Amino acid sequence: MMDEAERNEKIDAVKRLIEIMRPAVQGDGGDLVLQHVDPESGLVEVELQGACSSCAISTSTIKLGVERILTSKLDWVKEVRGQVEEVEDLAFSASLGKGSYIPVRR
């Protein structure tokens, strides 16, 4: 079991990489939000928001983009799971289009 300092260091490393990736997702009208990091198991959970909620390639964005980058940069990351923001109106979400979504910081 790792100590608290090592755990926090690993979580911070994931947060830094997510912040580097966010502008690319935001440029397409969405956002990438870190939901959970488990440094012990190597699991990272993210959520795609905005226009990405209705995007046909959201799974590819998570697996071929986010997971590929995190696992290549952080050898302890084993898997990235993702979800998309639940959106009532998919037509509105799709209409956000490229660069229209303004992310809200949580």
N, C-alpha and C. Protein backbone atom coordinates (compact mmCIF):
# COMPACT_ATOMS: atom_id res chain seq x y z
N MET A 1 0.84 -1.19 0.00
CA MET A 1 0.00 0.00 0.00
C MET A 1 0.89 1.25 0.00
N MET A 2 0.50 2.23 -0.79
CA MET A 2 1.31 3.45 -0.89
C MET A 2 0.93 4.47 0.17
N ASP A 3 1.88 5.33 0.49
CA ASP A 3 1.59 6.36 1.48
C ASP A 3 0.83 7.52 0.84
N GLU A 4 0.31 8.41 1.66
CA GLU A 4 -0.55 9.51 1.20
C GLU A 4 0.19 10.45 0.24
N ALA A 5 1.47 10.70 0.49
CA ALA A 5 2.25 11.60 -0.37
C ALA A 5 2.38 11.02 -1.78
N GLU A 6 2.68 9.73 -1.87
CA GLU A 6 2.82 9.09 -3.18
C GLU A 6 1.47 9.06 -3.90
N ARG A 7 0.43 8.77 -3.16
CA ARG A 7 -0.93 8.75 -3.72
C ARG A 7 -1.28 10.13 -4.31
N ASN A 8 -1.06 11.18 -3.54
CA ASN A 8 -1.35 12.55 -4.00
C ASN A 8 -0.50 12.94 -5.20
N GLU A 9 0.74 12.50 -5.22
CA GLU A 9 1.64 12.79 -6.34
C GLU A 9 1.10 12.17 -7.63
N LYS A 10 0.62 10.94 -7.54
CA LYS A 10 0.08 10.26 -8.71
C LYS A 10 -1.22 10.93 -9.18
N ILE A 11 -2.08 11.29 -8.27
CA ILE A 11 -3.32 11.98 -8.63
C ILE A 11 -3.02 13.32 -9.29
N ASP A 12 -2.06 14.06 -8.75
CA ASP A 12 -1.67 15.34 -9.33
C ASP A 12 -1.10 15.17 -10.74
N ALA A 13 -0.37 14.10 -10.98
CA ALA A 13 0.19 13.84 -12.31
C ALA A 13 -0.92 13.63 -13.32
N VAL A 14 -1.97 12.90 -12.93
CA VAL A 14 -3.11 12.70 -13.82
C VAL A 14 -3.81 14.03 -14.07
N LYS A 15 -4.02 14.81 -13.03
CA LYS A 15 -4.68 16.12 -13.19
C LYS A 15 -3.92 17.01 -14.16
N ARG A 16 -2.60 17.02 -14.07
CA ARG A 16 -1.79 17.85 -14.96
C ARG A 16 -1.97 17.42 -16.42
N LEU A 17 -1.96 16.11 -16.67
CA LEU A 17 -2.12 15.62 -18.03
C LEU A 17 -3.53 15.89 -18.57
N ILE A 18 -4.53 15.76 -17.73
CA ILE A 18 -5.91 16.07 -18.15
C ILE A 18 -6.00 17.54 -18.56
N GLU A 19 -5.38 18.42 -17.79
CA GLU A 19 -5.40 19.85 -18.12
C GLU A 19 -4.72 20.14 -19.45
N ILE A 20 -3.72 19.35 -19.80
CA ILE A 20 -3.04 19.51 -21.09
C ILE A 20 -3.96 19.06 -22.23
N MET A 21 -4.76 18.01 -21.99
CA MET A 21 -5.65 17.46 -23.02
C MET A 21 -6.93 18.27 -23.21
N ARG A 22 -7.39 18.94 -22.18
CA ARG A 22 -8.69 19.63 -22.22
C ARG A 22 -8.85 20.60 -23.38
N PRO A 23 -7.86 21.43 -23.71
CA PRO A 23 -8.07 22.38 -24.80
C PRO A 23 -8.42 21.72 -26.14
N ALA A 24 -7.88 20.54 -26.41
CA ALA A 24 -8.21 19.85 -27.66
C ALA A 24 -9.68 19.44 -27.67
N VAL A 25 -10.19 18.97 -26.56
CA VAL A 25 -11.60 18.58 -26.46
C VAL A 25 -12.48 19.82 -26.48
N GLN A 26 -12.07 20.86 -25.78
CA GLN A 26 -12.83 22.10 -25.76
C GLN A 26 -12.91 22.73 -27.14
N GLY A 27 -11.87 22.56 -27.94
CA GLY A 27 -11.86 23.10 -29.29
C GLY A 27 -12.94 22.48 -30.18
N ASP A 28 -13.42 21.31 -29.80
CA ASP A 28 -14.50 20.64 -30.54
C ASP A 28 -15.85 20.85 -29.87
N GLY A 29 -15.92 21.75 -28.91
CA GLY A 29 -17.20 22.07 -28.28
C GLY A 29 -17.53 21.25 -27.06
N GLY A 30 -16.56 20.55 -26.51
CA GLY A 30 -16.80 19.72 -25.33
C GLY A 30 -15.87 20.05 -24.19
N ASP A 31 -15.79 19.13 -23.28
CA ASP A 31 -14.85 19.27 -22.17
C ASP A 31 -14.52 17.89 -21.64
N LEU A 32 -13.38 17.77 -21.01
CA LEU A 32 -12.90 16.55 -20.41
C LEU A 32 -12.74 16.81 -18.92
N VAL A 33 -13.47 16.02 -18.11
CA VAL A 33 -13.46 16.23 -16.66
C VAL A 33 -12.99 14.96 -15.97
N LEU A 34 -12.03 15.12 -15.09
CA LEU A 34 -11.54 14.00 -14.30
C LEU A 34 -12.54 13.69 -13.20
N GLN A 35 -12.99 12.44 -13.13
CA GLN A 35 -13.97 12.03 -12.13
C GLN A 35 -13.33 11.32 -10.94
N HIS A 36 -12.36 10.42 -11.21
CA HIS A 36 -11.81 9.60 -10.13
C HIS A 36 -10.46 9.03 -10.56
N VAL A 37 -9.55 8.93 -9.60
CA VAL A 37 -8.26 8.29 -9.83
C VAL A 37 -8.02 7.31 -8.68
N ASP A 38 -7.69 6.07 -9.03
CA ASP A 38 -7.32 5.07 -8.03
C ASP A 38 -5.89 4.64 -8.32
N PRO A 39 -4.91 5.29 -7.67
CA PRO A 39 -3.51 5.00 -7.92
C PRO A 39 -3.14 3.54 -7.59
N GLU A 40 -3.85 2.92 -6.69
CA GLU A 40 -3.55 1.54 -6.30
C GLU A 40 -3.86 0.56 -7.43
N SER A 41 -5.02 0.72 -8.07
CA SER A 41 -5.41 -0.20 -9.14
C SER A 41 -4.98 0.28 -10.52
N GLY A 42 -4.66 1.57 -10.64
CA GLY A 42 -4.30 2.13 -11.93
C GLY A 42 -5.49 2.55 -12.77
N LEU A 43 -6.64 2.71 -12.13
CA LEU A 43 -7.87 3.09 -12.83
C LEU A 43 -8.09 4.60 -12.77
N VAL A 44 -8.40 5.18 -13.93
CA VAL A 44 -8.74 6.60 -14.03
C VAL A 44 -10.11 6.67 -14.69
N GLU A 45 -11.00 7.50 -14.14
CA GLU A 45 -12.33 7.69 -14.71
C GLU A 45 -12.50 9.15 -15.12
N VAL A 46 -13.00 9.34 -16.34
CA VAL A 46 -13.21 10.68 -16.89
C VAL A 46 -14.63 10.79 -17.43
N GLU A 47 -15.04 12.03 -17.67
CA GLU A 47 -16.34 12.29 -18.29
C GLU A 47 -16.16 13.28 -19.42
N LEU A 48 -16.78 12.98 -20.56
CA LEU A 48 -16.82 13.92 -21.68
C LEU A 48 -18.12 14.70 -21.57
N GLN A 49 -18.03 16.02 -21.76
CA GLN A 49 -19.19 16.89 -21.61
C GLN A 49 -19.40 17.73 -22.86
N GLY A 50 -20.50 18.47 -22.87
CA GLY A 50 -20.80 19.39 -23.95
C GLY A 50 -21.10 18.65 -25.25
N ALA A 51 -20.58 19.14 -26.36
CA ALA A 51 -20.82 18.52 -27.66
C ALA A 51 -20.32 17.09 -27.69
N CYS A 52 -19.38 16.76 -26.84
CA CYS A 52 -18.85 15.39 -26.79
C CYS A 52 -19.89 14.41 -26.28
N SER A 53 -20.94 14.90 -25.63
CA SER A 53 -22.00 14.03 -25.13
C SER A 53 -22.74 13.34 -26.25
N SER A 54 -22.81 13.98 -27.40
CA SER A 54 -23.54 13.40 -28.53
C SER A 54 -22.61 12.96 -29.65
N CYS A 55 -21.33 13.00 -29.42
CA CYS A 55 -20.36 12.67 -30.45
C CYS A 55 -20.29 11.16 -30.67
N ALA A 56 -20.29 10.75 -31.92
CA ALA A 56 -20.26 9.33 -32.26
C ALA A 56 -18.92 8.68 -31.92
N ILE A 57 -17.87 9.47 -31.78
CA ILE A 57 -16.56 8.88 -31.50
C ILE A 57 -16.09 9.14 -30.06
N SER A 58 -17.02 9.38 -29.16
CA SER A 58 -16.63 9.67 -27.78
C SER A 58 -15.86 8.50 -27.16
N THR A 59 -16.25 7.27 -27.46
CA THR A 59 -15.53 6.11 -26.93
C THR A 59 -14.11 6.08 -27.46
N SER A 60 -13.93 6.41 -28.73
CA SER A 60 -12.59 6.45 -29.31
C SER A 60 -11.76 7.55 -28.69
N THR A 61 -12.39 8.69 -28.41
CA THR A 61 -11.67 9.79 -27.76
C THR A 61 -11.11 9.32 -26.42
N ILE A 62 -11.91 8.58 -25.67
CA ILE A 62 -11.47 8.11 -24.36
C ILE A 62 -10.40 7.03 -24.50
N LYS A 63 -10.65 6.02 -25.31
CA LYS A 63 -9.72 4.89 -25.41
C LYS A 63 -8.47 5.21 -26.22
N LEU A 64 -8.65 5.80 -27.40
CA LEU A 64 -7.52 6.04 -28.28
C LEU A 64 -6.81 7.36 -28.01
N GLY A 65 -7.46 8.23 -27.26
CA GLY A 65 -6.85 9.51 -26.93
C GLY A 65 -6.41 9.55 -25.48
N VAL A 66 -7.37 9.69 -24.59
CA VAL A 66 -7.08 9.88 -23.17
C VAL A 66 -6.31 8.68 -22.59
N GLU A 67 -6.83 7.48 -22.81
CA GLU A 67 -6.16 6.30 -22.24
C GLU A 67 -4.76 6.12 -22.82
N ARG A 68 -4.63 6.28 -24.12
CA ARG A 68 -3.31 6.12 -24.75
C ARG A 68 -2.29 7.08 -24.17
N ILE A 69 -2.70 8.33 -23.99
CA ILE A 69 -1.77 9.33 -23.45
C ILE A 69 -1.43 9.03 -21.99
N LEU A 70 -2.45 8.77 -21.17
CA LEU A 70 -2.19 8.53 -19.75
C LEU A 70 -1.34 7.29 -19.53
N THR A 71 -1.63 6.20 -20.25
CA THR A 71 -0.85 4.97 -20.03
C THR A 71 0.57 5.08 -20.58
N SER A 72 0.76 5.92 -21.59
CA SER A 72 2.12 6.08 -22.12
C SER A 72 2.97 7.00 -21.24
N LYS A 73 2.34 7.95 -20.58
CA LYS A 73 3.08 8.91 -19.75
C LYS A 73 3.22 8.47 -18.29
N LEU A 74 2.24 7.70 -17.81
CA LEU A 74 2.24 7.26 -16.41
C LEU A 74 2.14 5.74 -16.39
N ASP A 75 3.27 5.08 -16.14
CA ASP A 75 3.30 3.63 -16.26
C ASP A 75 2.39 2.89 -15.27
N TRP A 76 1.94 3.55 -14.24
CA TRP A 76 1.06 2.92 -13.27
C TRP A 76 -0.41 2.95 -13.67
N VAL A 77 -0.76 3.79 -14.66
CA VAL A 77 -2.14 3.84 -15.14
C VAL A 77 -2.37 2.62 -16.04
N LYS A 78 -3.37 1.82 -15.68
CA LYS A 78 -3.66 0.58 -16.40
C LYS A 78 -4.90 0.67 -17.28
N GLU A 79 -5.86 1.51 -16.87
CA GLU A 79 -7.12 1.59 -17.61
C GLU A 79 -7.76 2.96 -17.40
N VAL A 80 -8.39 3.44 -18.46
CA VAL A 80 -9.20 4.67 -18.37
C VAL A 80 -10.62 4.30 -18.76
N ARG A 81 -11.54 4.60 -17.88
CA ARG A 81 -12.96 4.39 -18.17
C ARG A 81 -13.60 5.76 -18.32
N GLY A 82 -14.52 5.82 -19.24
CA GLY A 82 -15.16 7.10 -19.47
C GLY A 82 -16.65 7.00 -19.60
N GLN A 83 -17.26 8.11 -19.40
CA GLN A 83 -18.69 8.24 -19.59
C GLN A 83 -18.93 9.57 -20.25
N VAL A 84 -20.12 9.74 -20.77
CA VAL A 84 -20.49 11.02 -21.34
C VAL A 84 -21.55 11.63 -20.46
N GLU A 85 -21.54 12.94 -20.42
CA GLU A 85 -22.51 13.69 -19.63
C GLU A 85 -23.92 13.33 -20.09
N GLU A 86 -24.80 13.09 -19.15
CA GLU A 86 -26.19 12.82 -19.50
C GLU A 86 -26.83 14.11 -19.97
N VAL A 87 -27.33 14.09 -21.18
CA VAL A 87 -27.89 15.28 -21.79
C VAL A 87 -29.34 15.00 -22.17
N GLU A 88 -30.22 15.88 -21.76
CA GLU A 88 -31.64 15.73 -22.08
C GLU A 88 -31.89 15.96 -23.57
N ASP A 89 -31.24 16.96 -24.13
CA ASP A 89 -31.50 17.36 -25.50
C ASP A 89 -30.25 17.14 -26.35
N LEU A 90 -30.18 15.98 -27.03
CA LEU A 90 -29.01 15.67 -27.84
C LEU A 90 -28.86 16.64 -29.02
N ALA A 91 -29.97 17.13 -29.56
CA ALA A 91 -29.89 18.09 -30.66
C ALA A 91 -29.19 19.37 -30.20
N PHE A 92 -29.52 19.83 -28.99
CA PHE A 92 -28.86 21.02 -28.45
C PHE A 92 -27.38 20.75 -28.23
N SER A 93 -27.07 19.59 -27.68
CA SER A 93 -25.68 19.23 -27.45
C SER A 93 -24.90 19.22 -28.75
N ALA A 94 -25.46 18.61 -29.78
CA ALA A 94 -24.79 18.56 -31.08
C ALA A 94 -24.65 19.95 -31.67
N SER A 95 -25.62 20.83 -31.41
CA SER A 95 -25.58 22.17 -31.98
C SER A 95 -24.47 23.03 -31.38
N LEU A 96 -23.94 22.61 -30.24
CA LEU A 96 -22.84 23.38 -29.64
C LEU A 96 -21.66 23.42 -30.58
N GLY A 97 -21.47 22.32 -31.31
CA GLY A 97 -20.48 22.26 -32.37
C GLY A 97 -19.09 22.67 -31.96
N LYS A 98 -18.29 22.97 -32.93
CA LYS A 98 -16.89 23.29 -32.72
C LYS A 98 -16.70 24.63 -32.03
N GLY A 99 -16.12 24.57 -30.85
CA GLY A 99 -15.72 25.78 -30.15
C GLY A 99 -16.82 26.55 -29.46
N SER A 100 -18.04 26.02 -29.44
CA SER A 100 -19.14 26.78 -28.86
C SER A 100 -19.34 26.53 -27.38
N TYR A 101 -18.89 25.41 -26.89
CA TYR A 101 -19.12 25.04 -25.50
C TYR A 101 -18.18 25.78 -24.58
N ILE A 102 -18.71 26.42 -23.58
CA ILE A 102 -17.89 27.11 -22.58
C ILE A 102 -17.95 26.28 -21.30
N PRO A 103 -16.87 25.61 -20.95
CA PRO A 103 -16.90 24.72 -19.80
C PRO A 103 -17.10 25.46 -18.48
N VAL A 104 -17.80 24.83 -17.59
CA VAL A 104 -18.02 25.37 -16.27
C VAL A 104 -17.10 24.63 -15.31
N ARG A 105 -16.29 25.33 -14.58
CA ARG A 105 -15.40 24.72 -13.60
C ARG A 105 -16.20 24.24 -12.41
N ARG A 106 -15.91 23.03 -11.97
CA ARG A 106 -16.62 22.49 -10.79
C ARG A 106 -15.73 22.55 -9.59
